[in-house]
């Protein structure tokens, strides 16, 4: 399937430009170079690189034998298990397109996803952590006329479902020529997977991911100093988030022939146990994971000396969280910029000083062009805040599924605006200061929440902070700070103000209300603080107090 953004002529020109390695290429290369090396580890066991090749070959052929055709779409809902990678590889070999969705999706989201892509199949587990996914899809089938197949991973395969394990393990005969799969596999420049955005409102947008990017892994390999001896830890879901295939940490591991160890669901104690047991050296996840690991009371009992890099994304990285993690664990924390619908943008290097690795998202990677724009679409001077925008390049040319209008609307003048605000320092490092929609306009003056959060998080009593807008009859808006305190600590309004004044914060930027809470509301994937919910909460409090109407 050709991405919606390209005409036939543009696609022909794209394909003439050259070809880079694809995920299937990496699987084949690793099977030849490291056949007996452990490729994948989950809670149920491990597979070698040769296992991955052979099992994905079998699954791809069995799918084609069932009558599935090139560009048929399948909704894939799997936790972090070795079969996830087998399925991801097999679908590409068969020329099929998988829409990879998160485990927390339920009836509403799955029905929407299946209908949007006219899915001919659903592939998942029968049940997982107390929820019966097979019952869900069985209840939905009358509403999904295109859905012909239900595939189930694992030993528990209900009547009416097809066993993925049997398909991947059944021996192949000689009825197919040696190049059977080679003829069917997804070609360079074509869509090889679909992803969902993790928005905080409404149904997720579906994103086309095509095999059109250059080898971003080369740049990241250099910045992270990855070698084939590294063991990659997938602590976030492979179906989305920083460990996902659309993010480059997993891509590097596949390209380099690294072992990948994965957690089905994140738990801090399970994570450090996995790091110690498998000698994980390169981890990916979200900032919350760092905080949870650092908070383990028995952290010093574990040998985490193998861990040298932990890359985070998906949410802002509190400076104090990164600092505490590095001090306790001894590895380097790296922050990066990217998104499902925009691609990889920037990252720091293991050679960068802590203030760059923690405070910024580093420098743009060479394959990507980033700009900072004002409201009129003009470039802003170095050091000033602007909206981060991606220039259309091979590394950032994703499109919304079959929706050319939405794709082009996002990319006015060849630039894809992200909604994130940032500024470059004199060394070319990019600092994200907040979301455009989160900017607080107090009497005509802009307050960037991330700027205040980055300073307030350094207070010794503060564990996490979110600065949001609250209504004001005179100024229009003012800043309110929601704070989670560290265990046993307290923070008063005066202490908060004094701390920020010492940081030389302009008076108009100071939060004018403090709400100390036990937790924050998060989006379904657990990565984004629902700031709108917090703003609604403080607005309701102000109305109850008679301050606003």
Protein backbone atom coordinates (compact mmCIF):
# COMPACT_ATOMS: atom_id res chain seq x y z
CA UNK A 1 0.00 0.00 0.00
CA UNK A 2 1.38 3.40 -1.02
CA UNK A 3 1.21 6.17 1.65
CA UNK A 4 -1.73 8.52 1.06
CA UNK A 5 0.62 11.51 0.88
CA UNK A 6 2.27 10.39 -2.40
CA UNK A 7 1.00 10.41 -5.96
CA UNK A 8 2.06 7.52 -8.19
CA UNK A 9 4.74 9.71 -9.80
CA UNK A 10 6.09 10.94 -6.47
CA UNK A 11 6.22 7.37 -5.23
CA UNK A 12 8.22 6.26 -8.28
CA UNK A 13 10.70 9.10 -7.68
CA UNK A 14 10.94 8.15 -4.01
CA UNK A 15 11.77 4.55 -4.84
CA UNK A 16 14.41 5.68 -7.35
CA UNK A 17 16.29 7.61 -4.67
CA UNK A 18 17.71 4.54 -3.03
CA UNK A 19 17.01 1.78 -0.54
CA UNK A 20 17.96 1.31 3.07
CA UNK A 21 17.66 -1.70 5.32
CA UNK A 22 14.21 -2.77 6.48
CA UNK A 23 13.18 -4.62 9.66
CA UNK A 24 12.87 -7.86 7.68
CA UNK A 25 16.37 -7.34 6.26
CA UNK A 26 17.71 -7.09 9.80
CA UNK A 27 15.97 -10.32 10.82
CA UNK A 28 17.53 -12.14 7.87
CA UNK A 29 20.98 -10.66 8.50
CA UNK A 30 20.96 -11.54 12.20
CA UNK A 31 19.79 -15.10 11.49
CA UNK A 32 22.77 -15.57 9.17
CA UNK A 33 25.33 -13.78 11.35
CA UNK A 34 24.18 -14.80 14.85
CA UNK A 35 21.95 -17.88 14.37
CA UNK A 36 22.38 -19.26 17.89
CA UNK A 37 22.51 -15.94 19.75
CA UNK A 38 19.54 -15.11 22.00
CA UNK A 39 17.36 -12.59 20.20
CA UNK A 40 14.27 -12.25 22.40
CA UNK A 41 13.51 -12.83 26.08
CA UNK A 42 10.14 -12.62 27.81
CA UNK A 43 8.62 -14.09 30.95
CA UNK A 44 7.93 -17.36 29.13
CA UNK A 45 11.30 -18.05 27.60
CA UNK A 46 13.72 -17.01 24.88
CA UNK A 47 14.29 -17.36 21.14
CA UNK A 48 17.43 -17.23 19.00
CA UNK A 49 17.79 -15.10 15.89
CA UNK A 50 17.37 -18.22 13.76
CA UNK A 51 14.16 -19.02 15.68
CA UNK A 52 12.80 -15.57 14.86
CA UNK A 53 13.48 -16.01 11.15
CA UNK A 54 12.06 -19.51 10.91
CA UNK A 55 8.96 -18.88 13.00
CA UNK A 56 8.13 -15.64 11.16
CA UNK A 57 8.63 -17.45 7.82
CA UNK A 58 6.16 -20.15 8.85
CA UNK A 59 3.59 -17.70 10.17
CA UNK A 60 3.80 -15.55 7.04
CA UNK A 61 3.28 -18.55 4.75
CA UNK A 62 0.37 -19.90 6.82
CA UNK A 63 -1.35 -16.50 6.66
CA UNK A 64 -1.04 -16.43 2.89
CA UNK A 65 -2.30 -20.02 2.68
CA UNK A 66 -5.44 -18.92 4.53
CA UNK A 67 -6.22 -16.56 1.67
CA UNK A 68 -5.09 -13.25 3.14
CA UNK A 69 -4.02 -10.87 0.38
CA UNK A 70 -1.41 -8.16 0.06
CA UNK A 71 -2.33 -4.98 1.97
CA UNK A 72 -5.01 -6.72 4.04
CA UNK A 73 -5.12 -5.11 7.49
CA UNK A 74 -5.00 -6.87 10.87
CA UNK A 75 -5.48 -5.28 14.30
CA UNK A 76 -2.73 -6.58 16.60
CA UNK A 77 -3.22 -6.30 20.38
CA UNK A 78 -0.39 -8.03 22.21
CA UNK A 79 1.60 -7.34 25.38
CA UNK A 80 5.41 -7.48 25.37
CA UNK A 81 5.94 -11.13 24.44
CA UNK A 82 8.30 -12.74 21.93
CA UNK A 83 5.32 -13.41 19.64
CA UNK A 84 4.92 -9.66 19.19
CA UNK A 85 8.16 -9.56 17.20
CA UNK A 86 7.32 -12.78 15.35
CA UNK A 87 3.97 -11.33 14.27
CA UNK A 88 5.44 -7.93 13.36
CA UNK A 89 8.02 -9.63 11.12
CA UNK A 90 5.63 -12.18 9.62
CA UNK A 91 3.07 -9.58 8.57
CA UNK A 92 5.74 -7.66 6.67
CA UNK A 93 6.95 -10.86 5.00
CA UNK A 94 3.38 -11.67 3.93
CA UNK A 95 2.76 -8.15 2.61
CA UNK A 96 0.09 -7.54 5.27
CA UNK A 97 -0.35 -4.40 7.37
CA UNK A 98 -0.69 -4.54 11.14
CA UNK A 99 -2.36 -1.86 13.25
CA UNK A 100 -0.63 -2.20 16.62
CA UNK A 101 -2.80 -1.05 19.52
CA UNK A 102 -2.25 -0.81 23.24
CA UNK A 103 -3.36 -3.47 25.69
CA UNK A 104 -5.70 -1.09 27.51
CA UNK A 105 -7.92 -0.65 24.42
CA UNK A 106 -11.40 -2.04 25.01
CA UNK A 107 -14.64 -2.49 23.05
CA UNK A 108 -15.03 1.12 21.92
CA UNK A 109 -11.44 1.59 20.72
CA UNK A 110 -11.17 -1.86 19.11
CA UNK A 111 -14.46 -1.46 17.24
CA UNK A 112 -13.33 1.95 16.00
CA UNK A 113 -9.90 0.65 14.94
CA UNK A 114 -11.29 -2.37 13.10
CA UNK A 115 -13.87 -0.30 11.25
CA UNK A 116 -11.45 2.48 10.30
CA UNK A 117 -9.03 0.13 8.56
CA UNK A 118 -11.62 -2.46 7.44
CA UNK A 119 -9.64 -5.10 9.31
CA UNK A 120 -9.93 -8.65 8.02
CA UNK A 121 -8.35 -10.01 11.18
CA UNK A 122 -7.79 -9.44 14.89
CA UNK A 123 -4.71 -10.94 16.59
CA UNK A 124 -4.30 -10.96 20.36
CA UNK A 125 -4.29 -13.06 23.51
CA UNK A 126 -7.36 -14.86 24.85
CA UNK A 127 -7.05 -13.18 28.23
CA UNK A 128 -4.48 -11.06 30.02
CA UNK A 129 -4.36 -9.72 33.57
CA UNK A 130 -8.01 -10.39 34.32
CA UNK A 131 -9.54 -9.22 31.04
CA UNK A 132 -10.94 -11.60 28.41
CA UNK A 133 -9.96 -10.22 25.01
CA UNK A 134 -11.50 -13.11 23.09
CA UNK A 135 -14.91 -12.43 24.66
CA UNK A 136 -14.53 -8.78 23.66
CA UNK A 137 -13.82 -9.52 20.00
CA UNK A 138 -16.55 -12.18 19.92
CA UNK A 139 -19.07 -9.60 21.15
CA UNK A 140 -17.86 -7.12 18.53
CA UNK A 141 -17.87 -9.46 15.51
CA UNK A 142 -21.53 -8.82 14.53
CA UNK A 143 -20.60 -5.13 14.18
CA UNK A 144 -17.51 -5.87 12.06
CA UNK A 145 -18.57 -7.28 8.67
CA UNK A 146 -15.01 -7.22 7.28
CA UNK A 147 -13.53 -9.25 10.15
CA UNK A 148 -13.01 -12.83 8.93
CA UNK A 149 -10.28 -14.17 11.22
CA UNK A 150 -9.46 -14.11 14.94
CA UNK A 151 -5.92 -15.22 15.80
CA UNK A 152 -4.86 -16.01 19.36
CA UNK A 153 -1.34 -16.21 20.82
CA UNK A 154 -0.63 -18.67 23.63
CA UNK A 155 -1.76 -22.10 24.76
CA UNK A 156 -5.32 -21.04 25.63
CA UNK A 157 -7.00 -20.89 22.22
CA UNK A 158 -10.83 -20.81 22.41
CA UNK A 159 -13.08 -22.46 19.85
CA UNK A 160 -13.50 -20.18 16.86
CA UNK A 161 -9.96 -18.79 17.01
CA UNK A 162 -6.82 -19.75 15.07
CA UNK A 163 -3.69 -20.62 17.06
CA UNK A 164 -0.71 -18.40 16.21
CA UNK A 165 1.60 -20.75 18.10
CA UNK A 166 0.58 -23.69 15.91
CA UNK A 167 1.00 -21.62 12.74
CA UNK A 168 4.48 -20.43 13.69
CA UNK A 169 5.65 -23.90 14.85
CA UNK A 170 4.17 -26.17 12.17
CA UNK A 171 6.81 -27.54 9.76
CA UNK A 172 6.74 -26.31 6.18
CA UNK A 173 6.53 -28.67 3.24
CA UNK A 174 8.06 -28.15 -0.17
CA UNK A 175 4.91 -26.86 -1.82
CA UNK A 176 6.24 -23.29 -1.99
CA UNK A 177 9.29 -22.05 -3.93
CA UNK A 178 12.23 -20.62 -1.97
CA UNK A 179 11.38 -17.06 -3.02
CA UNK A 180 7.69 -17.34 -2.10
CA UNK A 181 7.90 -14.85 0.78
CA UNK A 182 10.37 -12.60 -1.03
CA UNK A 183 7.71 -11.96 -3.66
CA UNK A 184 5.05 -11.03 -1.10
CA UNK A 185 6.93 -8.89 1.44
CA UNK A 186 6.29 -5.19 1.93
CA UNK A 187 8.44 -3.15 -0.43
CA UNK A 188 10.54 -0.13 0.32
CA UNK A 189 8.46 3.04 0.33
CA UNK A 190 5.25 1.18 1.17
CA UNK A 191 3.24 1.13 4.39
CA UNK A 192 4.48 -1.63 6.68
CA UNK A 193 2.55 -0.80 9.84
CA UNK A 194 -0.13 1.47 11.31
CA UNK A 195 0.12 3.14 14.71
CA UNK A 196 -2.23 5.03 16.98
CA UNK A 197 -1.59 8.36 18.64
CA UNK A 198 -1.92 8.59 22.41
CA UNK A 199 -4.06 11.71 22.60
CA UNK A 200 -5.80 12.83 25.76
CA UNK A 201 -9.24 13.32 24.21
CA UNK A 202 -11.42 11.53 21.67
CA UNK A 203 -10.55 8.49 19.59
CA UNK A 204 -6.93 7.95 18.56
CA UNK A 205 -5.72 9.01 15.12
CA UNK A 206 -4.27 6.27 12.93
CA UNK A 207 -0.85 6.88 11.43
CA UNK A 208 0.69 5.34 8.31
CA UNK A 209 4.32 4.29 8.80
CA UNK A 210 6.15 3.56 5.56
CA UNK A 211 9.59 2.13 4.85
CA UNK A 212 10.88 5.49 3.65
CA UNK A 213 13.22 6.65 6.39
CA UNK A 214 17.01 6.60 6.04
CA UNK A 215 19.01 4.60 8.52
CA UNK A 216 18.38 6.77 11.55
CA UNK A 217 19.91 3.97 13.56
CA UNK A 218 23.37 4.94 12.29
CA UNK A 219 23.16 8.32 14.02
CA UNK A 220 21.66 6.89 17.18
CA UNK A 221 24.21 4.08 17.27
CA UNK A 222 26.92 6.75 17.39
CA UNK A 223 25.21 8.93 20.00
CA UNK A 224 24.32 6.01 22.28
CA UNK A 225 27.48 3.99 21.45
CA UNK A 226 25.51 0.79 20.84
CA UNK A 227 27.34 -2.44 20.01
CA UNK A 228 26.09 -5.99 19.29
CA UNK A 229 27.03 -6.87 22.87
CA UNK A 230 24.35 -4.56 24.31
CA UNK A 231 21.20 -6.05 25.81
CA UNK A 232 18.14 -3.91 25.13
CA UNK A 233 15.45 -3.62 27.81
CA UNK A 234 11.92 -2.94 26.54
CA UNK A 235 10.16 -1.60 29.63
CA UNK A 236 7.44 0.32 27.76
CA UNK A 237 4.96 -1.40 25.41
CA UNK A 238 6.28 -2.39 21.98
CA UNK A 239 2.89 -1.38 20.58
CA UNK A 240 3.49 2.23 21.50
CA UNK A 241 5.70 4.47 23.57
CA UNK A 242 9.48 4.70 23.85
CA UNK A 243 10.14 0.97 23.45
CA UNK A 244 7.98 0.68 20.34
CA UNK A 245 9.24 -0.36 16.93
CA UNK A 246 8.36 3.09 15.59
CA UNK A 247 10.85 4.44 18.13
CA UNK A 248 14.45 3.83 17.30
CA UNK A 249 15.69 2.10 20.45
CA UNK A 250 14.20 -1.20 19.32
CA UNK A 251 15.28 -0.45 15.76
CA UNK A 252 18.90 -0.07 16.84
CA UNK A 253 18.81 -3.39 18.67
CA UNK A 254 17.44 -5.16 15.58
CA UNK A 255 19.95 -3.44 13.31
CA UNK A 256 22.91 -4.30 15.54
CA UNK A 257 21.87 -7.81 16.49
CA UNK A 258 21.35 -7.03 20.18
CA UNK A 259 19.41 -9.25 22.55
CA UNK A 260 16.02 -7.79 23.55
CA UNK A 261 14.56 -8.51 27.00
CA UNK A 262 11.01 -7.31 27.63
CA UNK A 263 8.53 -6.82 30.45
CA UNK A 264 4.89 -7.71 29.81
CA UNK A 265 3.80 -4.90 32.13
CA UNK A 266 6.01 -2.44 33.97
CA UNK A 267 6.67 -2.98 37.64
CA UNK A 268 9.72 -1.38 39.25
CA UNK A 269 10.75 -4.50 41.17
CA UNK A 270 10.32 -6.68 38.08
CA UNK A 271 12.33 -4.18 36.05
CA UNK A 272 15.40 -4.18 38.30
CA UNK A 273 15.18 -7.96 38.59
CA UNK A 274 15.23 -8.22 34.78
CA UNK A 275 18.14 -5.77 34.51
CA UNK A 276 20.16 -7.78 37.01
CA UNK A 277 19.26 -11.23 35.64
CA UNK A 278 19.76 -10.48 31.93
CA UNK A 279 22.53 -7.86 32.35
CA UNK A 280 20.56 -5.23 30.45
CA UNK A 281 22.76 -2.36 29.29
CA UNK A 282 20.37 -0.15 27.30
CA UNK A 283 16.87 0.62 28.56
CA UNK A 284 13.95 2.66 27.26
CA UNK A 285 10.83 3.91 28.98
CA UNK A 286 9.07 6.97 30.36
CA UNK A 287 10.30 9.29 33.14
CA UNK A 288 7.81 7.85 35.63
CA UNK A 289 9.66 4.53 35.44
CA UNK A 290 12.89 6.19 36.57
CA UNK A 291 11.13 7.69 39.57
CA UNK A 292 9.52 4.36 40.50
CA UNK A 293 12.82 2.49 40.30
CA UNK A 294 14.62 5.15 42.36
CA UNK A 295 11.92 4.89 45.02
CA UNK A 296 12.44 1.15 45.60
CA UNK A 297 13.43 0.73 49.27
CA UNK A 298 15.70 -2.23 48.47
CA UNK A 299 17.26 -0.81 45.30
CA UNK A 300 20.78 -1.20 46.69
CA UNK A 301 20.26 -4.97 46.93
CA UNK A 302 20.36 -5.28 43.13
CA UNK A 303 23.42 -5.34 40.89
CA UNK A 304 22.55 -2.85 38.14
CA UNK A 305 26.12 -2.20 37.04
CA UNK A 306 25.41 -3.49 33.52
CA UNK A 307 22.97 -0.63 32.80
CA UNK A 308 24.86 2.19 31.06
CA UNK A 309 22.09 4.10 29.21
CA UNK A 310 18.39 4.69 29.85
CA UNK A 311 16.54 6.61 27.15
CA UNK A 312 13.24 8.30 28.04
CA UNK A 313 10.48 9.95 26.03
CA UNK A 314 6.72 10.31 26.03
CA UNK A 315 6.57 12.94 28.79
CA UNK A 316 8.68 15.76 30.23
CA UNK A 317 11.72 14.60 32.18
CA UNK A 318 11.95 16.21 35.63
CA UNK A 319 15.55 17.25 36.27
CA UNK A 320 15.53 15.89 39.81
CA UNK A 321 14.19 12.51 38.66
CA UNK A 322 17.03 12.07 36.17
CA UNK A 323 19.61 13.25 38.71
CA UNK A 324 18.42 10.87 41.42
CA UNK A 325 18.29 7.92 39.02
CA UNK A 326 21.83 8.50 37.79
CA UNK A 327 23.13 8.86 41.33
CA UNK A 328 21.42 5.68 42.56
CA UNK A 329 21.78 3.45 39.50
CA UNK A 330 24.95 4.77 37.92
CA UNK A 331 23.83 4.89 34.28
CA UNK A 332 23.33 7.87 31.97
CA UNK A 333 19.81 9.16 31.35
CA UNK A 334 19.09 10.48 27.86
CA UNK A 335 16.04 12.50 26.85
CA UNK A 336 14.73 12.62 23.29
CA UNK A 337 12.07 14.16 21.06
CA UNK A 338 9.71 12.22 18.82
CA UNK A 339 6.15 11.16 18.21
CA UNK A 340 4.06 8.47 16.57
CA UNK A 341 2.70 10.79 13.89
CA UNK A 342 5.88 12.77 13.32
CA UNK A 343 8.83 10.44 13.71
CA UNK A 344 12.12 10.77 15.55
CA UNK A 345 13.39 14.33 15.95
CA UNK A 346 16.27 14.91 18.33
CA UNK A 347 18.29 13.28 21.05
CA UNK A 348 21.33 13.94 23.16
CA UNK A 349 24.48 11.83 23.35
CA UNK A 350 26.05 9.79 26.13
CA UNK A 351 28.97 12.23 25.82
CA UNK A 352 26.81 15.27 26.64
CA UNK A 353 26.99 16.76 30.15
CA UNK A 354 24.09 16.05 32.55
CA UNK A 355 22.49 19.48 32.14
CA UNK A 356 22.11 18.80 28.40
CA UNK A 357 20.99 15.17 28.71
CA UNK A 358 18.40 15.98 31.39
CA UNK A 359 17.28 19.48 30.52
CA UNK A 360 17.16 19.31 26.72
CA UNK A 361 16.24 16.77 24.06
CA UNK A 362 19.66 17.25 22.50
CA UNK A 363 20.40 18.11 18.90
CA UNK A 364 18.27 17.24 15.86
CA UNK A 365 19.49 14.13 14.10
CA UNK A 366 21.08 14.85 10.69
CA UNK A 367 18.27 13.17 8.74
CA UNK A 368 15.66 15.51 10.25
CA UNK A 369 15.20 19.27 9.85
CA UNK A 370 13.60 21.02 12.83
CA UNK A 371 12.45 24.62 12.84
CA UNK A 372 11.03 26.93 15.51
CA UNK A 373 8.18 29.10 14.21
CA UNK A 374 6.26 32.11 15.46
CA UNK A 375 2.49 32.52 15.05
CA UNK A 376 2.97 33.76 11.47
CA UNK A 377 5.14 30.80 10.49
CA UNK A 378 8.43 32.70 10.52
CA UNK A 379 11.65 31.34 12.03
CA UNK A 380 12.36 32.71 15.51
CA UNK A 381 15.87 33.89 16.52
CA UNK A 382 18.14 31.55 18.48
CA UNK A 383 17.26 31.63 22.17
CA UNK A 384 13.61 32.62 21.63
CA UNK A 385 10.60 30.33 22.00
CA UNK A 386 8.79 29.02 18.94
CA UNK A 387 6.61 26.11 17.91
CA UNK A 388 8.62 23.04 16.95
CA UNK A 389 8.00 22.02 13.35
CA UNK A 390 9.41 19.21 11.23
CA UNK A 391 10.37 19.92 7.64
CA UNK A 392 9.10 17.20 5.31
CA UNK A 393 11.98 14.74 4.97
CA UNK A 394 12.30 10.99 4.56
CA UNK A 395 12.57 10.64 8.31
CA UNK A 396 9.39 12.55 9.13
CA UNK A 397 6.97 11.92 6.28
CA UNK A 398 4.29 9.99 8.10
CA UNK A 399 0.67 10.53 7.19
CA UNK A 400 -2.74 9.93 8.72
CA UNK A 401 -4.39 6.74 7.50
CA UNK A 402 -6.18 7.38 4.20
CA UNK A 403 -6.74 11.02 5.23
CA UNK A 404 -4.88 13.29 2.84
CA UNK A 405 -6.76 16.39 3.99
CA UNK A 406 -5.68 16.00 7.63
CA UNK A 407 -2.12 15.17 6.56
CA UNK A 408 -1.80 18.25 4.36
CA UNK A 409 -3.51 20.47 6.94
CA UNK A 410 -0.85 19.52 9.48
CA UNK A 411 1.89 20.26 6.98
CA UNK A 412 1.11 23.73 5.73
CA UNK A 413 4.07 25.09 3.72
CA UNK A 414 5.87 21.76 3.97
CA UNK A 415 6.24 22.00 7.76
CA UNK A 416 4.54 19.71 10.25
CA UNK A 417 3.76 21.69 13.39
CA UNK A 418 3.88 19.62 16.58
CA UNK A 419 2.15 21.90 19.06
CA UNK A 420 5.28 21.72 21.24
CA UNK A 421 7.15 24.91 22.10
CA UNK A 422 10.92 25.00 22.32
CA UNK A 423 14.09 27.04 22.04
CA UNK A 424 17.63 26.35 20.83
CA UNK A 425 20.67 27.24 22.91
CA UNK A 426 23.92 28.53 21.42
CA UNK A 427 25.18 24.95 20.96
CA UNK A 428 22.16 23.77 18.97
CA UNK A 429 20.50 21.83 21.79
CA UNK A 430 16.70 21.98 21.81
CA UNK A 431 14.82 22.68 25.03
CA UNK A 432 11.10 21.89 25.10
CA UNK A 433 9.27 24.47 27.21
CA UNK A 434 5.69 23.26 26.91
CA UNK A 435 2.67 22.76 24.69
CA UNK A 436 1.22 25.65 22.72
CA UNK A 437 -2.25 24.85 24.05
CA UNK A 438 -0.89 24.84 27.62
CA UNK A 439 0.58 28.36 27.48
CA UNK A 440 -0.93 30.53 30.20
CA UNK A 441 -1.63 34.10 29.09
CA UNK A 442 -1.67 36.31 32.18
CA UNK A 443 -2.73 39.83 31.28
CA UNK A 444 -1.19 39.48 27.83
CA UNK A 445 2.09 37.95 29.05
CA UNK A 446 2.98 34.34 28.25
CA UNK A 447 3.82 31.81 30.95
CA UNK A 448 5.33 28.52 29.76
CA UNK A 449 4.40 25.82 32.29
CA UNK A 450 7.40 23.58 31.54
CA UNK A 451 9.76 26.42 32.41
CA UNK A 452 8.24 26.78 35.89
CA UNK A 453 7.95 23.01 36.34
CA UNK A 454 11.64 22.50 35.57
CA UNK A 455 12.58 24.86 38.40
CA UNK A 456 9.96 23.84 40.95
CA UNK A 457 10.87 20.16 40.55
CA UNK A 458 14.30 20.95 42.00
CA UNK A 459 12.77 21.79 45.41
CA UNK A 460 13.82 19.01 47.82
CA UNK A 461 10.21 18.36 48.90
CA UNK A 462 8.78 18.01 45.38
CA UNK A 463 8.38 14.63 43.67
CA UNK A 464 6.37 15.81 40.64
CA UNK A 465 4.72 19.02 39.48
CA UNK A 466 2.25 20.21 36.86
CA UNK A 467 1.58 23.90 36.25
CA UNK A 468 -1.83 24.63 34.73
CA UNK A 469 -4.08 27.55 33.89
CA UNK A 470 -6.76 28.82 36.25
CA UNK A 471 -9.29 31.53 35.36
CA UNK A 472 -9.04 35.05 36.75
CA UNK A 473 -11.61 37.82 36.31
CA UNK A 474 -8.96 40.52 35.93
CA UNK A 475 -5.96 38.86 34.28
CA UNK A 476 -7.88 36.27 32.29
CA UNK A 477 -5.58 33.47 33.40
CA UNK A 478 -3.09 32.80 36.16
CA UNK A 479 -0.79 29.90 36.96
CA UNK A 480 -1.65 27.19 39.48
CA UNK A 481 0.92 24.60 40.59
CA UNK A 482 -0.20 21.04 41.31
CA UNK A 483 2.48 19.27 43.35
CA UNK A 484 3.07 15.72 44.55
CA UNK A 485 5.42 15.82 47.53
CA UNK A 486 8.05 13.23 48.31
CA UNK A 487 7.12 10.78 51.04
CA UNK A 488 7.19 12.48 54.43
CA UNK A 489 7.70 15.96 52.93
CA UNK A 490 5.43 19.00 52.82
CA UNK A 491 5.46 22.17 50.74
CA UNK A 492 3.78 25.45 51.57
CA UNK A 493 2.82 28.24 49.20
CA UNK A 494 5.44 30.56 50.68
CA UNK A 495 8.15 27.90 50.36
CA UNK A 496 7.22 27.37 46.73
CA UNK A 497 7.32 31.09 45.98
CA UNK A 498 10.61 31.61 47.82
CA UNK A 499 12.23 28.76 45.89
CA UNK A 500 11.17 30.18 42.53
CA UNK A 501 12.20 33.73 43.43
CA UNK A 502 15.68 32.41 44.23
CA UNK A 503 15.68 30.91 40.73
CA UNK A 504 15.16 34.44 39.35
CA UNK A 505 11.67 33.71 38.01
CA UNK A 506 9.87 36.83 36.78
CA UNK A 507 7.11 37.86 39.16
CA UNK A 508 4.29 37.48 36.63
CA UNK A 509 5.29 33.84 36.05
CA UNK A 510 4.96 32.81 39.69
CA UNK A 511 2.12 30.34 40.41
CA UNK A 512 -0.58 32.11 42.40
CA UNK A 513 -2.10 28.99 43.87
CA UNK A 514 -0.68 25.69 45.16
CA UNK A 515 -2.57 22.40 45.18
CA UNK A 516 -0.79 19.51 46.90
CA UNK A 517 -2.18 16.16 45.73
CA UNK A 518 -1.37 12.46 46.04
CA UNK A 519 -1.44 11.67 42.32
CA UNK A 520 -2.01 13.10 38.85
CA UNK A 521 -4.56 11.96 36.27
CA UNK A 522 -2.83 10.35 33.29
CA UNK A 523 -3.91 9.47 29.77
CA UNK A 524 -4.68 5.83 29.06
CA UNK A 525 -1.10 4.93 28.19
CA UNK A 526 0.15 6.42 31.45
CA UNK A 527 2.53 8.81 29.70
CA UNK A 528 0.80 12.18 29.64
CA UNK A 529 -0.51 14.16 32.61
CA UNK A 530 -4.09 15.22 31.90
CA UNK A 531 -3.52 18.92 32.46
CA UNK A 532 -6.99 19.78 31.22
CA UNK A 533 -8.43 17.68 34.06
CA UNK A 534 -6.26 19.53 36.60
CA UNK A 535 -7.29 22.89 35.15
CA UNK A 536 -10.95 21.87 35.39
CA UNK A 537 -10.34 20.79 38.98
CA UNK A 538 -8.93 24.14 40.10
CA UNK A 539 -11.63 25.99 38.15
CA UNK A 540 -14.31 24.03 40.02
CA UNK A 541 -12.61 24.89 43.33
CA UNK A 542 -12.52 28.59 42.44
CA UNK A 543 -16.20 28.53 41.53
CA UNK A 544 -17.05 26.79 44.80
CA UNK A 545 -15.09 29.47 46.64
CA UNK A 546 -16.98 32.21 44.78
CA UNK A 547 -13.80 33.61 43.24
CA UNK A 548 -14.97 33.06 39.65
CA UNK A 549 -18.41 32.44 38.23
